[in-house]
Amino acid sequence: MVFSLSSKEEARRKPLFGSKNRANGDFFDLLINQTSQLVSNVGVDVVWMDESKQTGTDFASRFTNAFKQLYAQGYNNVISI
């Protein structure tokens, strides 16, 4: 499981290059694309859990619920990035 935010949300929350600089989104797009390429070569199912799939009011509950969702789908072992 890749537990992440979308590049748009990452850029909004972490404006590394200033709050109105488009480079923020481009930078997080690059990181997310690189992560996607790396995990696609692992040879196991990869489930991407961005904020649109996460449920809960804080990080701990969203992270816990992501694992619960995958176990409910029948996964017995889950590794999170």
N, C-alpha and C. Protein backbone atom coordinates (compact mmCIF):
# COMPACT_ATOMS: atom_id res chain seq x y z
N MET A 1 0.84 -1.17 0.00
CA MET A 1 0.00 0.00 0.00
C MET A 1 0.89 1.23 0.00
N VAL A 2 0.57 2.15 -0.87
CA VAL A 2 1.22 3.45 -0.84
C VAL A 2 0.22 4.40 -0.18
N PHE A 3 0.55 4.85 1.01
CA PHE A 3 -0.30 5.75 1.78
C PHE A 3 0.22 7.15 1.53
N SER A 4 -0.55 7.95 0.81
CA SER A 4 -0.03 9.21 0.30
C SER A 4 -1.14 10.24 0.22
N LEU A 5 -0.75 11.42 -0.16
CA LEU A 5 -1.67 12.46 -0.59
C LEU A 5 -1.48 12.64 -2.08
N SER A 6 -2.47 13.19 -2.74
CA SER A 6 -2.30 13.53 -4.16
C SER A 6 -1.27 14.64 -4.27
N SER A 7 -0.70 14.80 -5.44
CA SER A 7 0.30 15.85 -5.62
C SER A 7 -0.31 17.22 -5.37
N LYS A 8 -1.56 17.40 -5.75
CA LYS A 8 -2.24 18.68 -5.53
C LYS A 8 -2.34 18.99 -4.03
N GLU A 9 -2.73 17.99 -3.25
CA GLU A 9 -2.87 18.18 -1.81
C GLU A 9 -1.50 18.34 -1.14
N GLU A 10 -0.51 17.58 -1.59
CA GLU A 10 0.85 17.74 -1.06
C GLU A 10 1.33 19.17 -1.29
N ALA A 11 1.12 19.68 -2.50
CA ALA A 11 1.57 21.04 -2.83
C ALA A 11 0.83 22.08 -2.00
N ARG A 12 -0.45 21.85 -1.74
CA ARG A 12 -1.22 22.79 -0.93
C ARG A 12 -0.71 22.82 0.51
N ARG A 13 -0.43 21.63 1.06
CA ARG A 13 -0.01 21.55 2.45
C ARG A 13 1.47 21.87 2.67
N LYS A 14 2.27 21.65 1.63
CA LYS A 14 3.72 21.83 1.77
C LYS A 14 4.25 22.69 0.62
N PRO A 15 3.99 23.97 0.63
CA PRO A 15 4.44 24.84 -0.46
C PRO A 15 5.94 25.12 -0.38
N LEU A 16 6.72 24.19 -0.86
CA LEU A 16 8.17 24.27 -0.76
C LEU A 16 8.77 25.44 -1.51
N PHE A 17 8.11 25.86 -2.58
CA PHE A 17 8.65 26.90 -3.44
C PHE A 17 7.81 28.18 -3.39
N GLY A 18 7.09 28.39 -2.30
CA GLY A 18 6.19 29.53 -2.18
C GLY A 18 4.76 29.10 -2.45
N SER A 19 3.83 29.78 -1.82
CA SER A 19 2.44 29.32 -1.84
C SER A 19 1.77 29.36 -3.21
N LYS A 20 2.25 30.17 -4.13
CA LYS A 20 1.60 30.29 -5.44
C LYS A 20 2.47 29.80 -6.59
N ASN A 21 3.50 29.07 -6.27
CA ASN A 21 4.44 28.62 -7.28
C ASN A 21 4.01 27.25 -7.82
N ARG A 22 3.85 27.16 -9.13
CA ARG A 22 3.43 25.92 -9.77
C ARG A 22 4.47 24.79 -9.60
N ALA A 23 5.69 25.17 -9.31
CA ALA A 23 6.74 24.17 -9.12
C ALA A 23 6.40 23.20 -7.99
N ASN A 24 5.60 23.65 -7.03
CA ASN A 24 5.18 22.75 -5.94
C ASN A 24 4.47 21.53 -6.49
N GLY A 25 3.46 21.74 -7.32
CA GLY A 25 2.71 20.63 -7.90
C GLY A 25 3.58 19.78 -8.80
N ASP A 26 4.42 20.43 -9.59
CA ASP A 26 5.32 19.69 -10.48
C ASP A 26 6.28 18.80 -9.68
N PHE A 27 6.78 19.35 -8.58
CA PHE A 27 7.70 18.58 -7.74
C PHE A 27 7.02 17.35 -7.16
N PHE A 28 5.83 17.52 -6.61
CA PHE A 28 5.13 16.38 -6.02
C PHE A 28 4.64 15.41 -7.08
N ASP A 29 4.28 15.90 -8.27
CA ASP A 29 3.97 14.99 -9.39
C ASP A 29 5.17 14.10 -9.69
N LEU A 30 6.35 14.70 -9.73
CA LEU A 30 7.58 13.96 -10.00
C LEU A 30 7.81 12.88 -8.95
N LEU A 31 7.68 13.24 -7.67
CA LEU A 31 7.90 12.27 -6.60
C LEU A 31 6.88 11.12 -6.65
N ILE A 32 5.62 11.47 -6.88
CA ILE A 32 4.58 10.44 -6.93
C ILE A 32 4.77 9.54 -8.14
N ASN A 33 5.12 10.11 -9.28
CA ASN A 33 5.38 9.29 -10.47
C ASN A 33 6.57 8.37 -10.26
N GLN A 34 7.61 8.87 -9.62
CA GLN A 34 8.79 8.04 -9.36
C GLN A 34 8.43 6.90 -8.40
N THR A 35 7.67 7.19 -7.38
CA THR A 35 7.23 6.15 -6.45
C THR A 35 6.39 5.11 -7.17
N SER A 36 5.49 5.57 -8.01
CA SER A 36 4.63 4.66 -8.77
C SER A 36 5.45 3.72 -9.66
N GLN A 37 6.45 4.26 -10.33
CA GLN A 37 7.31 3.43 -11.18
C GLN A 37 8.08 2.41 -10.36
N LEU A 38 8.59 2.83 -9.22
CA LEU A 38 9.36 1.90 -8.37
C LEU A 38 8.49 0.76 -7.85
N VAL A 39 7.31 1.07 -7.36
CA VAL A 39 6.48 0.01 -6.77
C VAL A 39 5.87 -0.89 -7.84
N SER A 40 5.74 -0.39 -9.06
CA SER A 40 5.18 -1.23 -10.12
C SER A 40 6.12 -2.37 -10.50
N ASN A 41 7.39 -2.25 -10.14
CA ASN A 41 8.38 -3.28 -10.46
C ASN A 41 8.55 -4.32 -9.36
N VAL A 42 7.80 -4.21 -8.29
CA VAL A 42 7.98 -5.10 -7.14
C VAL A 42 7.41 -6.48 -7.39
N GLY A 43 6.35 -6.56 -8.17
CA GLY A 43 5.76 -7.87 -8.47
C GLY A 43 4.65 -8.30 -7.53
N VAL A 44 4.10 -7.37 -6.78
CA VAL A 44 2.95 -7.66 -5.91
C VAL A 44 1.88 -6.61 -6.17
N ASP A 45 0.66 -6.88 -5.67
CA ASP A 45 -0.40 -5.88 -5.79
C ASP A 45 0.02 -4.59 -5.11
N VAL A 46 -0.27 -3.48 -5.75
CA VAL A 46 -0.02 -2.18 -5.14
C VAL A 46 -1.34 -1.43 -5.09
N VAL A 47 -1.71 -1.00 -3.90
CA VAL A 47 -2.93 -0.22 -3.71
C VAL A 47 -2.50 1.18 -3.30
N TRP A 48 -2.95 2.17 -4.05
CA TRP A 48 -2.59 3.55 -3.76
C TRP A 48 -3.71 4.16 -2.94
N MET A 49 -3.38 4.62 -1.74
CA MET A 49 -4.38 5.20 -0.84
C MET A 49 -4.08 6.69 -0.66
N ASP A 50 -4.67 7.51 -1.55
CA ASP A 50 -4.52 8.95 -1.35
C ASP A 50 -5.71 9.46 -0.55
N GLU A 51 -5.80 10.77 -0.37
CA GLU A 51 -6.84 11.30 0.51
C GLU A 51 -8.26 10.99 0.04
N SER A 52 -8.43 10.69 -1.24
CA SER A 52 -9.77 10.36 -1.73
C SER A 52 -10.24 8.98 -1.26
N LYS A 53 -9.31 8.13 -0.82
CA LYS A 53 -9.65 6.78 -0.36
C LYS A 53 -9.48 6.62 1.15
N GLN A 54 -8.94 7.63 1.80
CA GLN A 54 -8.68 7.54 3.24
C GLN A 54 -9.89 8.00 4.03
N THR A 55 -10.16 7.31 5.13
CA THR A 55 -11.25 7.71 6.02
C THR A 55 -10.71 7.88 7.43
N GLY A 56 -11.20 8.89 8.11
CA GLY A 56 -10.79 9.15 9.48
C GLY A 56 -10.54 10.63 9.69
N THR A 57 -10.42 11.00 10.95
CA THR A 57 -10.29 12.42 11.29
C THR A 57 -8.85 12.86 11.53
N ASP A 58 -7.93 11.92 11.69
CA ASP A 58 -6.53 12.26 11.89
C ASP A 58 -5.66 11.20 11.22
N PHE A 59 -4.34 11.46 11.21
CA PHE A 59 -3.45 10.54 10.51
C PHE A 59 -3.57 9.12 11.04
N ALA A 60 -3.57 8.96 12.36
CA ALA A 60 -3.60 7.62 12.95
C ALA A 60 -4.84 6.85 12.53
N SER A 61 -6.00 7.49 12.54
CA SER A 61 -7.22 6.78 12.15
C SER A 61 -7.25 6.51 10.65
N ARG A 62 -6.76 7.43 9.84
CA ARG A 62 -6.73 7.19 8.38
C ARG A 62 -5.78 6.04 8.05
N PHE A 63 -4.64 6.01 8.71
CA PHE A 63 -3.65 4.96 8.46
C PHE A 63 -4.20 3.60 8.92
N THR A 64 -4.78 3.56 10.10
CA THR A 64 -5.37 2.32 10.63
C THR A 64 -6.50 1.84 9.73
N ASN A 65 -7.36 2.75 9.31
CA ASN A 65 -8.49 2.38 8.45
C ASN A 65 -8.03 1.87 7.09
N ALA A 66 -6.92 2.39 6.58
CA ALA A 66 -6.40 1.90 5.30
C ALA A 66 -6.01 0.43 5.42
N PHE A 67 -5.34 0.07 6.51
CA PHE A 67 -5.01 -1.34 6.74
C PHE A 67 -6.27 -2.17 6.89
N LYS A 68 -7.23 -1.68 7.66
CA LYS A 68 -8.48 -2.42 7.86
C LYS A 68 -9.19 -2.68 6.53
N GLN A 69 -9.20 -1.67 5.66
CA GLN A 69 -9.83 -1.83 4.34
C GLN A 69 -9.16 -2.94 3.54
N LEU A 70 -7.85 -2.96 3.55
CA LEU A 70 -7.14 -3.97 2.77
C LEU A 70 -7.32 -5.36 3.36
N TYR A 71 -7.29 -5.47 4.69
CA TYR A 71 -7.55 -6.77 5.31
C TYR A 71 -8.97 -7.23 5.01
N ALA A 72 -9.93 -6.31 4.99
CA ALA A 72 -11.31 -6.66 4.67
C ALA A 72 -11.45 -7.12 3.22
N GLN A 73 -10.56 -6.66 2.36
CA GLN A 73 -10.57 -7.08 0.95
C GLN A 73 -9.90 -8.43 0.76
N GLY A 74 -9.35 -8.99 1.83
CA GLY A 74 -8.78 -10.32 1.74
C GLY A 74 -7.26 -10.38 1.78
N TYR A 75 -6.60 -9.24 1.88
CA TYR A 75 -5.15 -9.27 1.99
C TYR A 75 -4.77 -9.75 3.39
N ASN A 76 -3.76 -10.62 3.46
CA ASN A 76 -3.28 -11.13 4.74
C ASN A 76 -2.02 -10.41 5.20
N ASN A 77 -1.29 -9.87 4.27
CA ASN A 77 -0.04 -9.16 4.57
C ASN A 77 -0.05 -7.85 3.82
N VAL A 78 0.29 -6.77 4.52
CA VAL A 78 0.31 -5.45 3.91
C VAL A 78 1.59 -4.73 4.32
N ILE A 79 2.27 -4.18 3.33
CA ILE A 79 3.44 -3.34 3.58
C ILE A 79 3.05 -1.93 3.16
N SER A 80 3.38 -0.96 3.97
CA SER A 80 3.03 0.42 3.67
C SER A 80 4.27 1.23 3.35
N ILE A 81 4.11 2.07 2.34
CA ILE A 81 5.13 3.06 1.98
C ILE A 81 4.51 4.41 2.22
